[in-house]
Protein backbone atom coordinates (compact mmCIF):
# COMPACT_ATOMS: atom_id res chain seq x y z
CA UNK A 1 -82.65 108.43 88.58
CA UNK A 2 -84.05 105.57 85.81
CA UNK A 3 -81.85 103.97 83.35
CA UNK A 4 -81.01 105.82 80.09
CA UNK A 5 -83.46 103.98 77.45
CA UNK A 6 -81.06 101.36 75.56
CA UNK A 7 -83.57 100.32 72.35
CA UNK A 8 -81.51 99.88 69.08
CA UNK A 9 -82.54 101.48 66.32
CA UNK A 10 -81.75 102.24 62.93
CA UNK A 11 -82.54 104.93 60.60
CA UNK A 12 -83.61 105.46 57.05
CA UNK A 13 -84.17 108.64 55.31
CA UNK A 14 -85.89 108.32 52.15
CA UNK A 15 -85.22 111.24 49.57
CA UNK A 16 -86.29 111.50 46.44
CA UNK A 17 -85.04 114.38 43.62
CA UNK A 18 -88.54 114.79 41.41
CA UNK A 19 -90.65 116.06 44.10
CA UNK A 20 -94.14 117.78 42.91
CA UNK A 21 -94.10 120.91 44.58
CA UNK A 22 -90.38 121.65 45.05
CA UNK A 23 -88.26 120.24 42.74
CA UNK A 24 -84.47 118.83 43.84
CA UNK A 25 -85.84 119.47 47.71
CA UNK A 26 -82.95 117.42 49.55
CA UNK A 27 -80.54 119.39 47.66
CA UNK A 28 -81.89 123.21 48.13
CA UNK A 29 -79.68 125.23 50.48
CA UNK A 30 -80.96 125.74 54.28
CA UNK A 31 -78.21 127.61 56.19
CA UNK A 32 -75.44 127.02 54.19
CA UNK A 33 -76.15 123.48 53.28
CA UNK A 34 -78.26 121.06 51.62
CA UNK A 35 -81.40 119.89 53.31
CA UNK A 36 -80.79 116.38 53.44
CA UNK A 37 -77.49 117.19 55.30
CA UNK A 38 -79.50 119.07 58.31
CA UNK A 39 -81.86 116.17 58.12
CA UNK A 40 -78.74 113.38 58.34
CA UNK A 41 -76.81 115.55 61.07
CA UNK A 42 -80.45 115.22 63.35
CA UNK A 43 -81.04 111.33 62.78
CA UNK A 44 -76.90 111.19 63.92
CA UNK A 45 -77.73 113.04 67.00
CA UNK A 46 -80.60 110.45 67.73
CA UNK A 47 -78.44 107.91 68.72
CA UNK A 48 -79.27 105.36 66.17
CA UNK A 49 -76.48 103.03 64.69
CA UNK A 50 -76.70 103.26 61.88
CA UNK A 51 -78.36 106.17 59.27
CA UNK A 52 -78.96 105.84 55.77
CA UNK A 53 -80.06 107.75 53.08
CA UNK A 54 -82.01 106.17 50.53
CA UNK A 55 -82.16 107.87 47.05
CA UNK A 56 -82.86 107.14 43.39
CA UNK A 57 -81.10 110.07 42.37
CA UNK A 58 -77.18 110.44 41.80
CA UNK A 59 -76.87 114.17 42.92
CA UNK A 60 -77.85 112.96 46.24
CA UNK A 61 -75.96 110.31 46.54
CA UNK A 62 -72.99 112.57 45.89
CA UNK A 63 -73.66 115.47 48.30
CA UNK A 64 -74.32 111.95 51.17
CA UNK A 65 -71.55 110.59 50.55
CA UNK A 66 -68.94 113.70 49.97
CA UNK A 67 -70.08 114.64 54.17
CA UNK A 68 -69.42 111.26 54.99
CA UNK A 69 -72.95 109.47 54.99
CA UNK A 70 -73.79 106.37 53.91
CA UNK A 71 -76.21 106.00 51.20
CA UNK A 72 -78.37 103.15 49.47
CA UNK A 73 -79.68 103.61 46.19
CA UNK A 74 -82.75 102.44 45.50
CA UNK A 75 -85.68 101.89 42.09
CA UNK A 76 -87.13 105.29 40.73
CA UNK A 77 -90.69 103.81 40.76
CA UNK A 78 -91.20 103.77 44.04
CA UNK A 79 -94.38 105.53 44.93
CA UNK A 80 -93.93 106.03 48.64
CA UNK A 81 -90.65 106.56 51.18
CA UNK A 82 -91.93 103.34 53.03
CA UNK A 83 -91.79 101.64 49.89
CA UNK A 84 -88.36 103.21 49.22
CA UNK A 85 -87.28 101.87 53.19
CA UNK A 86 -88.38 98.46 52.11
CA UNK A 87 -85.79 98.12 49.15
CA UNK A 88 -82.89 99.74 50.93
CA UNK A 89 -83.72 97.14 53.97
CA UNK A 90 -83.78 94.30 51.70
CA UNK A 91 -80.69 95.65 49.71
CA UNK A 92 -78.64 96.09 53.02
CA UNK A 93 -79.87 92.55 54.57
CA UNK A 94 -80.92 94.35 57.85
CA UNK A 95 -82.84 91.06 59.73
CA UNK A 96 -86.57 90.81 60.56
CA UNK A 97 -86.47 92.17 64.08
CA UNK A 98 -84.31 95.26 63.31
CA UNK A 99 -86.55 98.41 64.51
CA UNK A 100 -86.00 100.78 61.60
CA UNK A 101 -86.98 104.22 61.81
CA UNK A 102 -88.30 106.46 58.49
CA UNK A 103 -87.39 109.82 58.73
CA UNK A 104 -88.49 112.07 56.24
CA UNK A 105 -85.69 113.68 53.91
CA UNK A 106 -87.59 116.91 54.52
CA UNK A 107 -87.73 117.24 57.88
CA UNK A 108 -84.50 119.45 59.05
CA UNK A 109 -85.70 120.18 62.45
CA UNK A 110 -86.99 117.14 63.21
CA UNK A 111 -85.60 117.51 67.38
CA UNK A 112 -83.41 113.76 67.55
CA UNK A 113 -85.14 112.77 71.01
CA UNK A 114 -88.50 111.88 68.73
CA UNK A 115 -86.54 109.77 66.62
CA UNK A 116 -85.48 108.19 69.79
CA UNK A 117 -89.03 108.40 71.44
CA UNK A 118 -90.83 106.64 68.11
CA UNK A 119 -88.72 103.95 68.16
CA UNK A 120 -88.93 102.94 72.24
CA UNK A 121 -92.71 103.05 71.55
CA UNK A 122 -92.81 100.69 69.07
CA UNK A 123 -90.43 98.42 71.32
CA UNK A 124 -92.85 98.75 73.88
CA UNK A 125 -95.86 97.52 71.60
CA UNK A 126 -94.26 95.00 69.59
CA UNK A 127 -96.80 92.63 70.49
CA UNK A 128 -99.93 94.37 68.69
CA UNK A 129 -98.37 96.89 66.53
CA UNK A 130 -96.59 96.56 63.39
CA UNK A 131 -95.90 100.37 62.92
CA UNK A 132 -95.76 103.49 65.85
CA UNK A 133 -95.36 106.69 65.42
CA UNK A 134 -96.23 110.74 66.96
CA UNK A 135 -98.96 113.14 67.30
CA UNK A 136 -99.18 116.66 68.71
CA UNK A 137 -102.31 118.58 70.32
CA UNK A 138 -104.29 120.63 67.65
CA UNK A 139 -105.68 123.94 69.41
CA UNK A 140 -105.85 126.01 66.51
CA UNK A 141 -109.00 125.93 64.18
CA UNK A 142 -106.97 126.62 61.23
CA UNK A 143 -104.45 123.94 61.80
CA UNK A 144 -107.23 122.09 62.37
CA UNK A 145 -108.52 122.58 58.47
CA UNK A 146 -105.26 122.90 56.64
CA UNK A 147 -105.63 120.42 54.57
CA UNK A 148 -101.60 120.07 54.45
CA UNK A 149 -101.50 119.01 57.82
CA UNK A 150 -102.48 115.18 58.48
CA UNK A 151 -104.96 114.65 61.54
CA UNK A 152 -105.10 111.07 63.63
CA UNK A 153 -107.96 109.83 65.57
CA UNK A 154 -107.06 107.80 68.17
CA UNK A 155 -108.90 104.62 70.11
CA UNK A 156 -108.74 104.83 73.56
CA UNK A 157 -105.29 102.79 74.03
CA UNK A 158 -103.60 105.18 71.47
CA UNK A 159 -103.69 103.03 68.26
CA UNK A 160 -104.77 105.06 65.18
CA UNK A 161 -108.55 104.64 63.96
CA UNK A 162 -107.94 106.98 61.46
CA UNK A 163 -105.85 109.66 59.38
CA UNK A 164 -106.99 112.26 57.08
CA UNK A 165 -106.41 115.64 55.84
CA UNK A 166 -109.93 116.25 56.54
CA UNK A 167 -110.71 117.76 59.98
CA UNK A 168 -111.25 114.93 62.00
CA UNK A 169 -113.41 113.47 63.91
CA UNK A 170 -116.29 116.16 62.57
CA UNK A 171 -117.64 117.59 65.75
CA UNK A 172 -120.82 118.04 64.56
CA UNK A 173 -122.58 119.95 67.04
CA UNK A 174 -120.22 122.28 68.56
CA UNK A 175 -119.35 123.69 64.63
CA UNK A 176 -122.26 124.52 63.98
CA UNK A 177 -122.90 126.05 67.41
CA UNK A 178 -119.70 128.37 66.80
CA UNK A 179 -117.99 129.33 63.74
CA UNK A 180 -114.71 130.09 65.80
CA UNK A 181 -112.63 128.10 68.20
CA UNK A 182 -112.43 124.69 68.95
CA UNK A 183 -115.28 122.26 70.89
CA UNK A 184 -113.10 121.18 74.03
CA UNK A 185 -113.96 117.39 73.48
CA UNK A 186 -112.98 115.28 71.46
CA UNK A 187 -109.54 116.20 71.89
CA UNK A 188 -107.62 116.38 67.94
CA UNK A 189 -104.05 115.19 66.79
CA UNK A 190 -101.63 116.59 64.38
CA UNK A 191 -99.95 113.59 63.25
CA UNK A 192 -95.98 113.58 62.93
CA UNK A 193 -94.73 112.28 59.54
CA UNK A 194 -92.35 109.98 61.47
CA UNK A 195 -92.63 106.10 61.66
CA UNK A 196 -91.03 103.35 62.99
CA UNK A 197 -91.24 99.43 62.27
CA UNK A 198 -89.58 95.91 62.49
CA UNK A 199 -88.00 95.13 59.15
CA UNK A 200 -90.07 92.36 58.56
CA UNK A 201 -92.85 94.88 58.50
CA UNK A 202 -91.70 97.34 56.45
CA UNK A 203 -91.01 94.02 53.27
CA UNK A 204 -95.19 93.28 53.98
CA UNK A 205 -95.91 96.76 53.42
CA UNK A 206 -93.87 96.52 50.02
CA UNK A 207 -95.45 93.36 49.09
CA UNK A 208 -99.19 94.88 49.79
CA UNK A 209 -101.33 96.68 47.26
CA UNK A 210 -101.39 100.27 47.83
CA UNK A 211 -105.11 100.76 49.20
CA UNK A 212 -107.94 102.80 47.89
CA UNK A 213 -107.95 105.11 50.60
CA UNK A 214 -104.06 105.71 50.68
CA UNK A 215 -104.51 106.92 47.28
CA UNK A 216 -107.51 109.10 47.70
CA UNK A 217 -105.84 110.98 50.77
CA UNK A 218 -102.45 110.51 49.80
CA UNK A 219 -101.36 108.64 52.73
CA UNK A 220 -99.16 105.78 52.61
CA UNK A 221 -100.08 104.96 56.58
CA UNK A 222 -103.40 104.06 55.47
CA UNK A 223 -102.29 101.05 53.44
CA UNK A 224 -101.74 99.44 57.42
CA UNK A 225 -104.87 100.02 58.39
CA UNK A 226 -106.35 98.62 54.98
CA UNK A 227 -104.23 95.53 55.25
CA UNK A 228 -105.43 94.88 59.42
CA UNK A 229 -102.09 96.15 60.56
CA UNK A 230 -102.33 98.46 63.75
CA UNK A 231 -99.95 101.38 64.46
CA UNK A 232 -99.69 102.99 68.26
CA UNK A 233 -99.24 106.86 68.01
CA UNK A 234 -97.64 108.12 70.90
CA UNK A 235 -98.00 112.27 71.96
CA UNK A 236 -94.66 114.07 71.10
CA UNK A 237 -92.96 114.65 74.09
CA UNK A 238 -91.47 117.41 72.85
CA UNK A 239 -92.39 120.60 71.07
CA UNK A 240 -91.94 119.08 67.38
CA UNK A 241 -90.50 122.12 65.35
CA UNK A 242 -93.42 123.03 61.93
CA UNK A 243 -93.98 120.70 59.47
CA UNK A 244 -91.34 119.32 56.95
CA UNK A 245 -90.37 121.49 53.72
CA UNK A 246 -92.67 121.01 50.76
CA UNK A 247 -93.00 124.63 49.42
CA UNK A 248 -90.98 127.93 49.06
CA UNK A 249 -92.53 129.52 52.12
CA UNK A 250 -91.45 126.56 54.16
CA UNK A 251 -87.96 126.52 53.16
CA UNK A 252 -87.93 130.34 53.93
CA UNK A 253 -89.36 129.37 57.46
CA UNK A 254 -86.66 127.10 57.64
CA UNK A 255 -83.99 128.73 56.84
CA UNK A 256 -85.04 131.70 59.50
CA UNK A 257 -85.03 129.20 62.09
CA UNK A 258 -81.98 127.56 61.05
CA UNK A 259 -80.33 130.77 61.34
CA UNK A 260 -82.00 131.82 64.95
CA UNK A 261 -79.30 131.48 67.54
CA UNK A 262 -80.99 128.65 70.04
CA UNK A 263 -82.01 130.65 73.37
């Protein structure tokens, strides 16, 4: 049996109160506690050396601190969760080589094993990648065409070529020939919104201007590609569960899953 991995990493959870589609999202109740506390629990279960919630709101701070969590108060002006992470890392004084996982504050069902996996993947590809993230194959046409689900196209060694809300790559002939199903090739991938960075890469990200593509697609990871960085994308080693909570329907779905006893 191989020895367990020992990659050291920390987790920062960006949590903004003023979400457009679901205001107060981090404090919405799920299975008897605020959603941010479920996310905090998943991060703690991952084996991270430290877990910090980065927020601009004292209501979120108070809930997390009451549960024994650590909070870093950040600016209200950040346009992305990654910018918020960069400020937190600077405030906390973490060294440039620290591996920092960005676990979104609306992912109460993220498996802890995937938090570890993305940190390990960055460690394994640190010579070439500024960022690591995860994906999972898309086998359902409705998922491919859903603009709320981000797709990623990879090169032959697993580095991201592009991320989009559109169905990419576009299989012109296959889609023209069939109104249902998916072509067997190429394979389509759903991007999972979890990232690992070196602290230095986070600081560099925050110092760069948002790119036109980032603004167009509302996908902050495109800033990395626009400025010439590389993102390694590994296939998730286990089922990631549903996407994060963005709507009332998502909240109800997460509630049902959290209330379902393990099989």
